[in-house]
Amino acid sequence: MWVALPESVFGRSKTPLAVGLTAAGLLWPGGGRLHADEAADFRRQMELLTQQNALLQQQVQLQEKTIAALSNRVSAVEQTSAPHDQQPDNSKPDVAEVPAAPKTGGFNLGNVNLSGEGGVGVFSSQTDGRYPNTDFRVIEARLYTEAPIWADVYFHGELDLATPENDDFQAELGELYLDFENISQLWGSDGMLSVRAGRLDIPFGEEYQTRNAIDNPLILNSISDLWGIDAGVELYGVLGKFSYVAAVQNGGYQVTDGQGDKAVAVRLGWDPANWLHLSVSGMRTGNLNVQNDQVSALWFGSGWFKSVGSAGTTRFHVNLVEADVDVNLPRGRIIMFGGYAHYSDNDSAGRNQRDIYYYSVEGEADITRKFYTAARFSQIFVRNGYPIPGEGNFNNYFNNDLTTDLWRLSLGGGYRFSKRLVVKMEYAFENGLTANGDHRNHEDFIGTEAAFKF
């Protein structure tokens, strides 16, 4: 006779322990047969052991399913963590989804979490750059508030006290939304669908997730620097090695929608290996009203997308597509992206169109555990020219002169005291050409910055 004992008794072995019971060991001295009562008792014990074994196997299977479900939930949450909550190391950012889970840092006041980040430094540029007089700057200061509302519904709010784009220290509202996390739990699929509603980052491309001072290995961003915040609704989720985020937003810079047509942005991500992330993004700004919207909500080239038509132009729009590659190495990281934008308007004097091409290649390498070095080359091409300020004089290159070619080479490095404090330096060469043939060759930048978060 063979008895299958519970797996937990022997370290969950896949092969049940077989115990051979021979009649010789249980024979009565006199007759060589089991007593009838003892044989019945033995059968009852065997039946009881069999029932217990079946019950334990069911419990083990249930535990394995529970552990698998929890592992999937943790993976989904990790892949949808916030860009501003990333660790400033060489690990791949959580690009599976732009959107973020509630912060774990900062200060907790009951269920409310308060946190912040920023950067201070000194910046200088050549005569045609942004800092010809060498400025001490609070270049970034942001406060975040997060709190649970009900079940898996969370609030996230951001107050921008200082940003690289804001020179007058006027406080502005950043992101503010309700996050309905893991709605797909309703049909038993963890992480497949979550929804956000409110004022949100525009989910186009990948760079905007690491453009804040604490996340950026350099001080400046790429020359295209596509990012923006707009009111709308966003869906995001993870499906195995694939991820997605899709948003419908107003499209214009103003608080109210001046045209009625909506902006749509979609990004699809794929992680074929733990060291490689790929994504492709597409977006339409929708038709924007020249008088009411004025410019797009999407930032481009240190400005916005705007009309280049004559006074007879009433609306314009831009369609974009971009591909991103993020490679993580044992002691470094390589990030590449390239994109295309098509501008068109309804100018009564003749429809204007622009084909805009841009790309960026960035590398980061650890010299020691604390010291690192980084470099980035980025460029924009546009036939017939487009408003691209870059690090040049904003009024000249956004409101007057159009630029046909602008490139930037950034070289720098830094020292990471911790995940919450980084000191870095950068020298950036910037050069370009305007539509009328003038060279943009006096915009080089040098700076040092201390970036922090709490």
Protein backbone atom coordinates (compact mmCIF):
# COMPACT_ATOMS: atom_id res chain seq x y z
CA MET A 1 0.00 0.00 0.00
CA TRP A 2 1.22 3.53 -0.87
CA VAL A 3 0.35 6.70 1.05
CA ALA A 4 0.66 10.17 -0.53
CA LEU A 5 1.60 12.56 2.30
CA PRO A 6 0.98 16.34 2.04
CA GLU A 7 3.59 18.25 -0.05
CA SER A 8 4.15 20.75 2.78
CA VAL A 9 5.60 18.02 4.98
CA PHE A 10 8.55 17.48 2.70
CA GLY A 11 9.25 20.93 1.32
CA ARG A 12 6.52 20.81 -1.36
CA SER A 13 8.25 18.05 -3.33
CA LYS A 14 6.58 17.44 -6.68
CA THR A 15 6.77 13.64 -6.12
CA PRO A 16 4.56 12.36 -3.23
CA LEU A 17 6.37 10.25 -0.63
CA ALA A 18 5.52 6.58 -1.24
CA VAL A 19 5.51 4.49 1.86
CA GLY A 20 5.39 0.72 1.25
CA LEU A 21 3.66 -1.13 3.97
CA THR A 22 4.39 -4.83 3.87
CA ALA A 23 2.24 -7.42 5.52
CA ALA A 24 5.26 -8.94 7.25
CA GLY A 25 5.68 -6.00 9.59
CA LEU A 26 2.06 -6.06 10.67
CA LEU A 27 1.44 -9.79 11.03
CA TRP A 28 0.00 -11.24 14.20
CA PRO A 29 2.48 -13.66 15.71
CA GLY A 30 0.03 -16.49 15.63
CA GLY A 31 -1.95 -16.42 12.46
CA GLY A 32 -0.13 -14.04 10.08
CA ARG A 33 -3.35 -11.97 9.40
CA LEU A 34 -4.48 -8.53 10.51
CA HIS A 35 -7.20 -8.52 13.08
CA ALA A 36 -10.47 -7.41 11.47
CA ASP A 37 -10.97 -4.42 13.84
CA GLU A 38 -7.42 -3.19 13.38
CA ALA A 39 -7.71 -3.52 9.60
CA ALA A 40 -10.90 -1.40 9.62
CA ASP A 41 -9.22 1.19 11.86
CA PHE A 42 -6.24 1.29 9.54
CA ARG A 43 -8.51 1.89 6.52
CA ARG A 44 -10.22 4.76 8.36
CA GLN A 45 -6.85 6.36 9.10
CA MET A 46 -5.82 6.00 5.48
CA GLU A 47 -9.06 7.63 4.27
CA LEU A 48 -8.53 10.49 6.72
CA LEU A 49 -4.95 11.03 5.51
CA THR A 50 -6.15 11.02 1.91
CA GLN A 51 -8.79 13.68 2.66
CA GLN A 52 -6.25 15.85 4.52
CA ASN A 53 -3.78 15.51 1.67
CA ALA A 54 -6.38 16.64 -0.89
CA LEU A 55 -7.33 19.60 1.32
CA LEU A 56 -3.69 20.70 1.69
CA GLN A 57 -3.14 20.47 -2.05
CA GLN A 58 -6.15 22.73 -2.64
CA GLN A 59 -4.78 25.26 -0.12
CA VAL A 60 -1.36 25.26 -1.82
CA GLN A 61 -2.94 25.86 -5.23
CA LEU A 62 -5.02 28.73 -3.83
CA GLN A 63 -1.92 30.30 -2.27
CA GLU A 64 -0.03 30.07 -5.57
CA LYS A 65 -2.88 31.83 -7.41
CA THR A 66 -2.99 34.55 -4.75
CA ILE A 67 0.78 35.13 -4.95
CA ALA A 68 0.62 35.32 -8.76
CA ALA A 69 -2.21 37.87 -8.61
CA LEU A 70 -0.32 40.01 -6.08
CA SER A 71 2.84 39.86 -8.21
CA ASN A 72 0.90 41.08 -11.25
CA ARG A 73 -0.61 43.90 -9.20
CA VAL A 74 2.81 45.02 -7.94
CA SER A 75 4.24 44.93 -11.48
CA ALA A 76 1.37 47.05 -12.76
CA VAL A 77 1.81 49.63 -10.00
CA GLU A 78 5.59 49.79 -10.56
CA GLN A 79 5.13 50.34 -14.28
CA THR A 80 2.71 53.19 -13.69
CA SER A 81 4.82 55.10 -11.19
CA ALA A 82 5.28 58.83 -11.48
CA PRO A 83 8.03 60.43 -13.49
CA HIS A 84 8.76 62.88 -10.67
CA ASP A 85 8.99 59.95 -8.26
CA GLN A 86 11.72 58.14 -10.23
CA GLN A 87 15.05 57.33 -8.67
CA PRO A 88 17.92 59.34 -10.20
CA ASP A 89 20.01 56.33 -11.17
CA ASN A 90 20.59 54.35 -14.33
CA SER A 91 17.55 52.12 -13.95
CA LYS A 92 14.96 52.39 -16.67
CA PRO A 93 12.23 54.91 -15.91
CA ASP A 94 8.73 53.69 -15.41
CA VAL A 95 7.69 54.45 -18.91
CA ALA A 96 5.03 51.83 -19.20
CA GLU A 97 2.72 54.61 -18.26
CA VAL A 98 3.17 58.23 -17.83
CA PRO A 99 0.79 58.44 -14.98
CA ALA A 100 1.85 57.94 -11.43
CA ALA A 101 0.79 56.05 -8.36
CA PRO A 102 0.59 57.92 -5.04
CA LYS A 103 3.94 58.98 -3.68
CA THR A 104 5.73 57.06 -0.97
CA GLY A 105 8.14 59.87 -0.07
CA GLY A 106 7.43 63.30 1.37
CA PHE A 107 5.50 63.93 4.56
CA ASN A 108 2.28 62.26 5.61
CA LEU A 109 -0.47 64.18 7.37
CA GLY A 110 -2.93 61.44 8.07
CA ASN A 111 -3.90 60.13 4.64
CA VAL A 112 -2.51 63.19 2.84
CA ASN A 113 1.01 63.03 1.42
CA LEU A 114 2.97 66.26 0.83
CA SER A 115 6.17 66.27 -1.19
CA GLY A 116 8.21 68.54 -3.41
CA GLU A 117 11.23 68.96 -5.63
CA GLY A 118 13.24 71.70 -7.20
CA GLY A 119 16.54 73.03 -8.41
CA VAL A 120 18.77 76.04 -7.69
CA GLY A 121 21.83 77.12 -9.62
CA VAL A 122 23.82 79.70 -11.51
CA PHE A 123 23.50 79.99 -15.31
CA SER A 124 25.37 81.93 -17.95
CA SER A 125 25.18 82.21 -21.72
CA GLN A 126 26.65 84.06 -24.65
CA THR A 127 25.23 87.41 -25.72
CA ASP A 128 22.23 86.03 -27.64
CA GLY A 129 21.33 83.42 -25.02
CA ARG A 130 18.88 83.51 -22.11
CA TYR A 131 21.43 84.37 -19.41
CA PRO A 132 23.90 86.92 -20.85
CA ASN A 133 24.40 88.49 -17.40
CA THR A 134 25.05 85.25 -15.44
CA ASP A 135 22.00 84.69 -13.23
CA PHE A 136 21.52 82.98 -9.90
CA ARG A 137 18.22 81.18 -10.30
CA VAL A 138 15.63 79.15 -8.48
CA ILE A 139 15.06 77.26 -11.68
CA GLU A 140 12.43 74.85 -10.35
CA ALA A 141 10.17 74.54 -7.30
CA ARG A 142 7.17 72.21 -7.23
CA LEU A 143 4.85 71.05 -4.47
CA TYR A 144 2.76 67.89 -4.69
CA THR A 145 -0.27 66.75 -2.71
CA GLU A 146 -1.73 63.27 -2.91
CA ALA A 147 -4.49 61.60 -0.97
CA PRO A 148 -6.80 58.60 -1.20
CA ILE A 149 -10.42 59.50 -1.86
CA TRP A 150 -12.29 56.22 -1.85
CA ALA A 151 -11.24 52.62 -2.52
CA ASP A 152 -8.81 52.85 -5.49
CA VAL A 153 -9.59 56.50 -6.26
CA TYR A 154 -6.80 59.00 -5.54
CA PHE A 155 -6.27 62.75 -5.78
CA HIS A 156 -3.07 64.26 -7.15
CA GLY A 157 -2.30 68.00 -7.21
CA GLU A 158 0.78 69.96 -8.28
CA LEU A 159 1.66 73.62 -7.63
CA ASP A 160 4.50 75.06 -9.72
CA LEU A 161 6.17 77.92 -7.88
CA ALA A 162 9.07 78.19 -10.31
CA THR A 163 9.81 76.49 -13.64
CA PRO A 164 12.49 76.98 -16.33
CA GLU A 165 9.79 78.50 -18.56
CA ASN A 166 8.51 80.96 -15.95
CA ASP A 167 10.76 83.97 -15.31
CA ASP A 168 8.42 85.97 -13.04
CA PHE A 169 7.88 83.46 -10.19
CA GLN A 170 4.14 83.43 -10.74
CA ALA A 171 2.63 80.35 -9.13
CA GLU A 172 0.86 78.12 -11.63
CA LEU A 173 -1.30 75.05 -11.42
CA GLY A 174 0.44 71.96 -12.73
CA GLU A 175 -1.26 68.59 -12.89
CA LEU A 176 -4.46 68.12 -10.89
CA TYR A 177 -6.57 65.04 -11.38
CA LEU A 178 -8.57 62.20 -9.92
CA ASP A 179 -7.01 58.80 -10.57
CA PHE A 180 -9.40 55.84 -10.82
CA GLU A 181 -6.85 53.06 -10.49
CA ASN A 182 -7.20 49.50 -11.70
CA ILE A 183 -10.75 49.64 -12.95
CA SER A 184 -10.04 46.38 -14.78
CA GLN A 185 -10.16 44.59 -11.41
CA LEU A 186 -13.89 44.54 -11.97
CA TRP A 187 -13.39 41.82 -14.58
CA GLY A 188 -10.37 40.22 -12.91
CA SER A 189 -7.55 41.83 -14.95
CA ASP A 190 -5.06 43.68 -12.76
CA GLY A 191 -3.47 46.78 -14.28
CA MET A 192 -5.26 46.55 -17.63
CA LEU A 193 -7.25 49.78 -17.30
CA SER A 194 -7.07 52.89 -15.13
CA VAL A 195 -8.56 56.32 -15.80
CA ARG A 196 -7.54 59.86 -14.92
CA ALA A 197 -9.61 63.00 -15.27
CA GLY A 198 -8.54 66.60 -14.71
CA ARG A 199 -5.44 68.54 -15.72
CA LEU A 200 -2.84 66.10 -17.05
CA ASP A 201 0.54 65.80 -18.73
CA ILE A 202 0.17 65.38 -22.48
CA PRO A 203 1.27 61.76 -23.02
CA PHE A 204 3.31 62.26 -26.18
CA GLY A 205 6.85 60.87 -26.38
CA GLU A 206 8.96 59.89 -23.38
CA GLU A 207 11.23 62.84 -22.57
CA TYR A 208 8.69 64.79 -20.55
CA GLN A 209 8.81 62.08 -17.89
CA THR A 210 12.43 62.94 -17.04
CA ARG A 211 12.60 66.68 -17.78
CA ASN A 212 12.31 67.77 -14.13
CA ALA A 213 15.59 68.73 -12.48
CA ILE A 214 15.87 65.71 -10.16
CA ASP A 215 15.30 63.25 -13.04
CA ASN A 216 17.33 64.93 -15.79
CA PRO A 217 21.05 63.96 -15.81
CA LEU A 218 21.80 67.32 -17.47
CA ILE A 219 20.42 70.82 -16.85
CA LEU A 220 18.89 71.57 -20.25
CA ASN A 221 16.59 69.24 -22.14
CA SER A 222 16.67 68.26 -25.80
CA ILE A 223 16.17 71.04 -28.28
CA SER A 224 12.67 69.79 -29.19
CA ASP A 225 11.61 69.29 -25.53
CA LEU A 226 8.03 68.24 -26.25
CA TRP A 227 5.80 68.45 -23.20
CA GLY A 228 2.66 70.13 -21.92
CA ILE A 229 -0.23 70.06 -19.43
CA ASP A 230 -3.85 70.17 -20.55
CA ALA A 231 -7.31 69.40 -19.20
CA GLY A 232 -8.92 66.17 -20.30
CA VAL A 233 -9.37 62.44 -19.71
CA GLU A 234 -6.71 59.75 -19.89
CA LEU A 235 -6.77 55.96 -20.06
CA TYR A 236 -3.70 53.86 -19.28
CA GLY A 237 -2.76 50.30 -18.51
CA VAL A 238 -0.38 47.38 -18.88
CA LEU A 239 -0.89 44.17 -20.85
CA GLY A 240 2.05 41.87 -20.15
CA LYS A 241 5.09 43.42 -21.81
CA PHE A 242 2.94 46.03 -23.53
CA SER A 243 1.62 49.28 -22.13
CA TYR A 244 -0.54 52.10 -23.40
CA VAL A 245 -1.78 55.57 -22.56
CA ALA A 246 -4.38 57.55 -24.49
CA ALA A 247 -5.74 61.02 -23.75
CA VAL A 248 -8.38 63.38 -25.10
CA GLN A 249 -7.65 66.99 -24.09
CA ASN A 250 -8.61 70.55 -25.00
CA GLY A 251 -5.54 71.19 -27.15
CA GLY A 252 -5.02 74.94 -26.60
CA TYR A 253 -2.95 76.81 -24.02
CA GLN A 254 -5.91 78.75 -22.65
CA VAL A 255 -8.07 77.35 -19.85
CA THR A 256 -11.16 77.16 -22.07
CA ASP A 257 -11.25 75.46 -25.46
CA GLY A 258 -11.28 78.18 -28.10
CA GLN A 259 -12.18 76.02 -31.09
CA GLY A 260 -14.12 72.99 -29.83
CA ASP A 261 -11.95 70.45 -31.65
CA LYS A 262 -10.04 68.24 -29.19
CA ALA A 263 -6.44 67.09 -29.03
CA VAL A 264 -5.81 63.33 -29.03
CA ALA A 265 -2.55 61.68 -27.97
CA VAL A 266 -1.69 57.97 -27.84
CA ARG A 267 1.50 56.18 -26.80
CA LEU A 268 2.12 52.42 -27.07
CA GLY A 269 5.06 50.88 -25.20
CA TRP A 270 6.81 47.53 -25.40
CA ASP A 271 9.40 46.02 -23.03
CA PRO A 272 10.84 43.00 -24.84
CA ALA A 273 13.59 42.70 -22.19
CA ASN A 274 14.24 44.20 -18.78
CA TRP A 275 17.00 46.38 -20.30
CA LEU A 276 15.06 47.62 -23.32
CA HIS A 277 12.00 49.84 -23.67
CA LEU A 278 10.44 50.88 -26.99
CA SER A 279 7.50 53.12 -27.69
CA VAL A 280 5.71 54.94 -30.49
CA SER A 281 3.53 58.03 -30.01
CA GLY A 282 1.02 59.86 -32.15
CA MET A 283 -0.87 63.10 -31.59
CA ARG A 284 -3.10 65.66 -33.22
CA THR A 285 -3.47 69.06 -31.60
CA GLY A 286 -6.88 69.47 -33.17
CA ASN A 287 -7.86 72.72 -34.88
CA LEU A 288 -6.68 75.64 -32.77
CA ASN A 289 -8.23 79.11 -32.92
CA VAL A 290 -5.65 81.82 -33.58
CA GLN A 291 -7.53 84.42 -31.52
CA ASN A 292 -8.93 82.29 -28.68
CA ASP A 293 -6.42 79.45 -28.26
CA GLN A 294 -3.47 81.50 -29.58
CA VAL A 295 -0.97 78.64 -29.17
CA SER A 296 -1.08 74.90 -28.51
CA ALA A 297 -0.84 73.39 -25.05
CA LEU A 298 2.08 71.33 -26.35
CA TRP A 299 5.49 72.95 -25.78
CA PHE A 300 8.02 72.65 -28.62
CA GLY A 301 11.54 74.01 -29.04
CA SER A 302 11.25 76.18 -25.90
CA GLY A 303 8.07 77.73 -27.26
CA TRP A 304 4.69 76.44 -28.43
CA PHE A 305 3.18 75.44 -31.71
CA LYS A 306 1.67 78.65 -33.12
CA SER A 307 0.27 80.06 -36.34
CA VAL A 308 2.73 81.24 -39.01
CA GLY A 309 -0.04 82.48 -41.29
CA SER A 310 -0.99 86.05 -42.15
CA ALA A 311 -3.73 88.09 -40.49
CA GLY A 312 -6.23 86.13 -42.54
CA THR A 313 -5.49 82.92 -40.66
CA THR A 314 -8.18 81.86 -38.18
CA ARG A 315 -7.11 78.33 -37.30
CA PHE A 316 -4.16 75.94 -37.50
CA HIS A 317 -3.29 72.42 -36.41
CA VAL A 318 -0.28 70.12 -35.98
CA ASN A 319 -0.06 66.33 -36.32
CA LEU A 320 2.90 64.50 -34.79
CA VAL A 321 4.48 61.05 -34.57
CA GLU A 322 7.54 59.92 -32.58
CA ALA A 323 9.49 56.75 -31.82
CA ASP A 324 11.56 56.26 -28.63
CA VAL A 325 14.25 53.76 -27.61
CA ASP A 326 15.58 53.39 -24.05
CA VAL A 327 18.51 51.01 -23.47
CA ASN A 328 19.77 50.30 -19.94
CA LEU A 329 23.38 49.14 -19.60
CA PRO A 330 25.15 47.79 -16.49
CA ARG A 331 26.83 51.16 -15.88
CA GLY A 332 24.90 53.50 -18.10
CA ARG A 333 21.99 54.28 -20.32
CA ILE A 334 21.27 55.29 -23.93
CA ILE A 335 18.12 57.16 -24.95
CA MET A 336 17.17 57.95 -28.53
CA PHE A 337 14.09 59.37 -30.15
CA GLY A 338 13.06 60.90 -33.44
CA GLY A 339 9.88 62.46 -34.69
CA TYR A 340 7.98 64.33 -37.36
CA ALA A 341 5.41 67.13 -37.06
CA HIS A 342 3.21 68.51 -39.83
CA TYR A 343 1.83 72.05 -39.49
CA SER A 344 -1.07 73.36 -41.57
CA ASP A 345 -3.43 76.37 -41.43
CA ASN A 346 -6.29 78.02 -43.34
CA ASP A 347 -4.56 81.25 -44.31
CA SER A 348 -6.83 83.11 -46.76
CA ALA A 349 -3.74 84.34 -48.62
CA GLY A 350 -2.63 80.78 -49.23
CA ARG A 351 -2.49 77.74 -47.02
CA ASN A 352 0.77 77.40 -45.09
CA GLN A 353 2.34 74.01 -44.40
CA ARG A 354 5.51 72.99 -42.58
CA ASP A 355 7.25 69.61 -42.28
CA ILE A 356 9.26 69.56 -39.06
CA TYR A 357 11.82 66.83 -38.26
CA TYR A 358 13.59 66.39 -34.94
CA TYR A 359 15.72 63.84 -33.09
CA SER A 360 17.85 63.37 -29.98
CA VAL A 361 20.58 60.94 -28.87
CA GLU A 362 21.59 60.85 -25.19
CA GLY A 363 24.09 58.80 -23.23
CA GLU A 364 24.82 58.52 -19.51
CA ALA A 365 27.64 56.57 -17.85
CA ASP A 366 28.64 55.97 -14.23
CA ILE A 367 32.26 56.78 -13.47
CA THR A 368 31.90 55.66 -9.87
CA ARG A 369 28.90 54.83 -7.74
CA LYS A 370 28.34 58.57 -7.18
CA PHE A 371 29.96 60.35 -10.13
CA TYR A 372 28.45 60.18 -13.60
CA THR A 373 28.92 61.84 -16.99
CA ALA A 374 26.30 62.57 -19.66
CA ALA A 375 26.02 63.92 -23.20
CA ARG A 376 23.14 64.70 -25.54
CA PHE A 377 22.91 65.84 -29.16
CA SER A 378 19.58 67.03 -30.55
CA GLN A 379 18.46 68.86 -33.66
CA ILE A 380 15.40 70.30 -35.46
CA PHE A 381 15.02 70.78 -39.23
CA VAL A 382 12.16 72.65 -40.87
CA ARG A 383 12.08 73.89 -44.43
CA ASN A 384 10.84 77.51 -44.75
CA GLY A 385 11.36 77.97 -41.02
CA TYR A 386 9.29 77.86 -37.84
CA PRO A 387 9.32 79.71 -34.46
CA ILE A 388 11.99 77.83 -32.41
CA PRO A 389 13.47 79.90 -29.55
CA GLY A 390 15.77 77.21 -28.12
CA GLU A 391 18.16 78.89 -25.67
CA GLY A 392 18.18 82.05 -27.78
CA ASN A 393 16.33 85.31 -27.27
CA PHE A 394 12.67 84.33 -26.93
CA ASN A 395 11.20 87.49 -28.46
CA ASN A 396 13.45 87.33 -31.50
CA TYR A 397 13.01 83.67 -32.36
CA PHE A 398 9.41 83.09 -31.30
CA ASN A 399 7.75 86.32 -32.44
CA ASN A 400 9.98 87.49 -35.30
CA ASP A 401 12.63 85.35 -37.00
CA LEU A 402 11.83 81.84 -38.20
CA THR A 403 14.46 79.10 -37.78
CA THR A 404 15.21 76.40 -40.36
CA ASP A 405 17.89 74.46 -38.47
CA LEU A 406 18.86 74.41 -34.80
CA TRP A 407 21.11 71.94 -32.95
CA ARG A 408 22.43 71.57 -29.41
CA LEU A 409 25.31 69.52 -28.00
CA SER A 410 25.19 69.20 -24.21
CA LEU A 411 28.16 67.86 -22.22
CA GLY A 412 28.06 67.47 -18.47
CA GLY A 413 28.04 65.30 -15.41
CA GLY A 414 27.24 65.28 -11.75
CA TYR A 415 27.52 63.80 -8.30
CA ARG A 416 24.65 61.99 -6.61
CA PHE A 417 24.78 62.53 -2.86
CA SER A 418 21.63 60.43 -2.62
CA LYS A 419 18.47 59.69 -4.55
CA ARG A 420 17.16 63.03 -3.31
CA LEU A 421 20.12 65.34 -3.93
CA VAL A 422 22.19 65.72 -7.10
CA VAL A 423 24.72 68.40 -8.10
CA LYS A 424 25.46 68.70 -11.82
CA MET A 425 27.18 70.87 -14.42
CA GLU A 426 26.65 71.34 -18.14
CA TYR A 427 28.11 73.15 -21.11
CA ALA A 428 25.84 73.33 -24.15
CA PHE A 429 26.87 74.35 -27.66
CA GLU A 430 23.92 75.74 -29.64
CA ASN A 431 23.96 76.82 -33.25
CA GLY A 432 21.43 77.32 -36.00
CA LEU A 433 20.27 79.09 -39.11
CA THR A 434 17.28 81.38 -39.67
CA ALA A 435 15.00 81.49 -42.71
CA ASN A 436 16.67 84.68 -43.93
CA GLY A 437 20.14 83.09 -43.77
CA ASP A 438 21.42 84.53 -40.49
CA HIS A 439 23.48 82.30 -38.20
CA ARG A 440 22.49 81.66 -34.59
CA ASN A 441 25.95 81.21 -33.09
CA HIS A 442 26.02 83.20 -29.83
CA GLU A 443 23.72 81.07 -27.62
CA ASP A 444 26.10 78.68 -25.82
CA PHE A 445 25.11 77.88 -22.24
CA ILE A 446 27.06 76.95 -19.11
CA GLY A 447 25.56 76.25 -15.71
CA THR A 448 25.65 74.34 -12.46
CA GLU A 449 22.62 73.19 -10.52
CA ALA A 450 21.67 71.42 -7.30
CA ALA A 451 18.51 69.36 -7.75
CA PHE A 452 16.55 67.99 -4.80
CA LYS A 453 13.33 66.30 -3.75
CA PHE A 454 11.64 65.53 -0.44
